[in-house]
């Protein structure tokens, strides 16, 4: 798995924390989608449950979920060591509402 040298090589890049069941930030994730490879998302993560450090390449498919009253886009993946579900989450921008002029 090739890590990007700079952000200009990426269509998407993120570094985020991963939370366990007690809502403690115990893990981390770095995710990127390279230009020319928009169908794959690459993940380098530390599991918040077992502290396993792993790398994954997944199809770049974001699912829309409602979490905490807001819609968010999520990539779900399973830790290779403990088998627990982890999520990479990004907020969906709020749609602009246009008023109708009569």
C-alpha atoms as a PDB file:
ATOM      1  CA  UNK A   1       0.000   0.000   0.000  1.00  0.00           C
ATOM      2  CA  UNK A   2       1.474   3.311  -1.091  1.00  0.00           C
ATOM      3  CA  UNK A   3       1.052   6.271   1.239  1.00  0.00           C
ATOM      4  CA  UNK A   4       0.721   9.693  -0.376  1.00  0.00           C
ATOM      5  CA  UNK A   5       3.763  11.958  -0.238  1.00  0.00           C
ATOM      6  CA  UNK A   6       1.557  15.064  -0.114  1.00  0.00           C
ATOM      7  CA  UNK A   7      -2.127  15.923  -0.071  1.00  0.00           C
ATOM      8  CA  UNK A   8      -2.118  17.072  -3.707  1.00  0.00           C
ATOM      9  CA  UNK A   9      -1.896  13.385  -4.735  1.00  0.00           C
ATOM     10  CA  UNK A  10      -5.241  12.694  -3.034  1.00  0.00           C
ATOM     11  CA  UNK A  11      -8.891  13.222  -3.830  1.00  0.00           C
ATOM     12  CA  UNK A  12      -9.684  12.601  -0.134  1.00  0.00           C
ATOM     13  CA  UNK A  13      -7.383  12.603   2.908  1.00  0.00           C
ATOM     14  CA  UNK A  14      -8.225  12.435   6.625  1.00  0.00           C
ATOM     15  CA  UNK A  15      -6.612  11.772  10.003  1.00  0.00           C
ATOM     16  CA  UNK A  16      -9.155  11.056  12.714  1.00  0.00           C
ATOM     17  CA  UNK A  17      -9.587   9.433  16.100  1.00  0.00           C
ATOM     18  CA  UNK A  18     -11.504   6.188  16.570  1.00  0.00           C
ATOM     19  CA  UNK A  19     -13.673   5.727  19.656  1.00  0.00           C
ATOM     20  CA  UNK A  20     -14.391   2.575  21.651  1.00  0.00           C
ATOM     21  CA  UNK A  21     -17.702   1.552  23.283  1.00  0.00           C
ATOM     22  CA  UNK A  22     -17.022   3.840  26.281  1.00  0.00           C
ATOM     23  CA  UNK A  23     -16.662   6.782  23.851  1.00  0.00           C
ATOM     24  CA  UNK A  24     -12.945   7.095  24.635  1.00  0.00           C
ATOM     25  CA  UNK A  25     -10.538   8.033  21.840  1.00  0.00           C
ATOM     26  CA  UNK A  26      -8.279   4.971  21.976  1.00  0.00           C
ATOM     27  CA  UNK A  27      -7.534   4.500  18.276  1.00  0.00           C
ATOM     28  CA  UNK A  28      -6.670   6.506  15.195  1.00  0.00           C
ATOM     29  CA  UNK A  29      -7.083   6.293  11.450  1.00  0.00           C
ATOM     30  CA  UNK A  30      -5.470   7.782   8.379  1.00  0.00           C
ATOM     31  CA  UNK A  31      -7.513   7.425   5.196  1.00  0.00           C
ATOM     32  CA  UNK A  32      -6.833   8.505   1.633  1.00  0.00           C
ATOM     33  CA  UNK A  33      -8.121   8.133  -1.916  1.00  0.00           C
ATOM     34  CA  UNK A  34      -5.464   8.634  -4.587  1.00  0.00           C
ATOM     35  CA  UNK A  35      -6.107  10.486  -7.838  1.00  0.00           C
ATOM     36  CA  UNK A  36      -6.559   7.961 -10.627  1.00  0.00           C
ATOM     37  CA  UNK A  37      -7.662   5.307  -8.098  1.00  0.00           C
ATOM     38  CA  UNK A  38     -10.971   6.843  -7.003  1.00  0.00           C
ATOM     39  CA  UNK A  39     -12.586   3.403  -6.642  1.00  0.00           C
ATOM     40  CA  UNK A  40     -10.334   2.437  -3.650  1.00  0.00           C
ATOM     41  CA  UNK A  41      -9.955   3.937  -0.177  1.00  0.00           C
ATOM     42  CA  UNK A  42      -6.804   3.108   1.769  1.00  0.00           C
ATOM     43  CA  UNK A  43      -6.878   2.918   5.567  1.00  0.00           C
ATOM     44  CA  UNK A  44      -4.059   2.787   8.096  1.00  0.00           C
ATOM     45  CA  UNK A  45      -5.561   2.365  11.553  1.00  0.00           C
ATOM     46  CA  UNK A  46      -5.054   1.547  15.221  1.00  0.00           C
ATOM     47  CA  UNK A  47      -8.048  -0.375  16.578  1.00  0.00           C
ATOM     48  CA  UNK A  48      -9.696   1.385  19.562  1.00  0.00           C
ATOM     49  CA  UNK A  49     -10.636  -1.984  21.095  1.00  0.00           C
ATOM     50  CA  UNK A  50      -7.434  -4.081  20.878  1.00  0.00           C
ATOM     51  CA  UNK A  51      -4.756  -1.517  19.774  1.00  0.00           C
ATOM     52  CA  UNK A  52      -3.921  -3.597  16.678  1.00  0.00           C
ATOM     53  CA  UNK A  53      -2.203  -1.592  13.925  1.00  0.00           C
ATOM     54  CA  UNK A  54      -3.451  -2.552  10.498  1.00  0.00           C
ATOM     55  CA  UNK A  55      -3.701  -1.462   6.882  1.00  0.00           C
ATOM     56  CA  UNK A  56      -6.641  -2.033   4.557  1.00  0.00           C
ATOM     57  CA  UNK A  57      -7.682  -1.251   1.021  1.00  0.00           C
ATOM     58  CA  UNK A  58     -11.461  -1.174   0.549  1.00  0.00           C
ATOM     59  CA  UNK A  59     -13.929  -0.194  -2.169  1.00  0.00           C
ATOM     60  CA  UNK A  60     -14.588   3.541  -1.923  1.00  0.00           C
ATOM     61  CA  UNK A  61     -18.250   3.181  -0.929  1.00  0.00           C
ATOM     62  CA  UNK A  62     -19.630   5.597   1.657  1.00  0.00           C
ATOM     63  CA  UNK A  63     -22.934   4.718   3.348  1.00  0.00           C
ATOM     64  CA  UNK A  64     -25.215   7.458   4.623  1.00  0.00           C
ATOM     65  CA  UNK A  65     -26.281   7.046   8.272  1.00  0.00           C
ATOM     66  CA  UNK A  66     -28.148   9.205  10.741  1.00  0.00           C
ATOM     67  CA  UNK A  67     -26.020   9.646  13.869  1.00  0.00           C
ATOM     68  CA  UNK A  68     -26.650  12.051  16.750  1.00  0.00           C
ATOM     69  CA  UNK A  69     -29.410  13.788  14.795  1.00  0.00           C
ATOM     70  CA  UNK A  70     -27.231  14.517  11.745  1.00  0.00           C
ATOM     71  CA  UNK A  71     -26.633  12.666   8.521  1.00  0.00           C
ATOM     72  CA  UNK A  72     -23.097  11.411   8.124  1.00  0.00           C
ATOM     73  CA  UNK A  73     -21.256   9.369   5.526  1.00  0.00           C
ATOM     74  CA  UNK A  74     -19.547   6.266   6.891  1.00  0.00           C
ATOM     75  CA  UNK A  75     -17.044   3.667   5.707  1.00  0.00           C
ATOM     76  CA  UNK A  76     -17.331   0.605   7.942  1.00  0.00           C
ATOM     77  CA  UNK A  77     -14.510  -1.893   8.309  1.00  0.00           C
ATOM     78  CA  UNK A  78     -13.670  -4.826  10.558  1.00  0.00           C
ATOM     79  CA  UNK A  79     -10.492  -5.013  12.644  1.00  0.00           C
ATOM     80  CA  UNK A  80      -8.318  -7.841  11.346  1.00  0.00           C
ATOM     81  CA  UNK A  81      -7.294  -8.918  14.874  1.00  0.00           C
ATOM     82  CA  UNK A  82     -10.390  -8.717  17.103  1.00  0.00           C
ATOM     83  CA  UNK A  83     -13.159  -8.657  14.474  1.00  0.00           C
ATOM     84  CA  UNK A  84     -14.908  -5.587  15.930  1.00  0.00           C
ATOM     85  CA  UNK A  85     -16.600  -3.035  13.667  1.00  0.00           C
ATOM     86  CA  UNK A  86     -14.901   0.354  13.273  1.00  0.00           C
ATOM     87  CA  UNK A  87     -16.111   3.375  11.306  1.00  0.00           C
ATOM     88  CA  UNK A  88     -14.562   6.270   9.448  1.00  0.00           C
ATOM     89  CA  UNK A  89     -17.117   9.096   9.688  1.00  0.00           C
ATOM     90  CA  UNK A  90     -17.484  12.371   7.801  1.00  0.00           C
ATOM     91  CA  UNK A  91     -20.288  14.900   8.057  1.00  0.00           C
ATOM     92  CA  UNK A  92     -22.568  15.466   5.110  1.00  0.00           C
ATOM     93  CA  UNK A  93     -22.797  19.161   4.236  1.00  0.00           C
ATOM     94  CA  UNK A  94     -26.173  20.684   4.971  1.00  0.00           C
ATOM     95  CA  UNK A  95     -28.276  21.215   1.890  1.00  0.00           C
ATOM     96  CA  UNK A  96     -29.181  24.788   1.173  1.00  0.00           C
ATOM     97  CA  UNK A  97     -32.867  25.514   1.209  1.00  0.00           C
ATOM     98  CA  UNK A  98     -34.027  28.040  -1.279  1.00  0.00           C
ATOM     99  CA  UNK A  99     -37.099  30.101  -0.586  1.00  0.00           C
ATOM    100  CA  UNK A 100     -39.659  30.260  -3.303  1.00  0.00           C
ATOM    101  CA  UNK A 101     -40.355  33.700  -4.592  1.00  0.00           C
ATOM    102  CA  UNK A 102     -43.950  34.167  -5.639  1.00  0.00           C
END
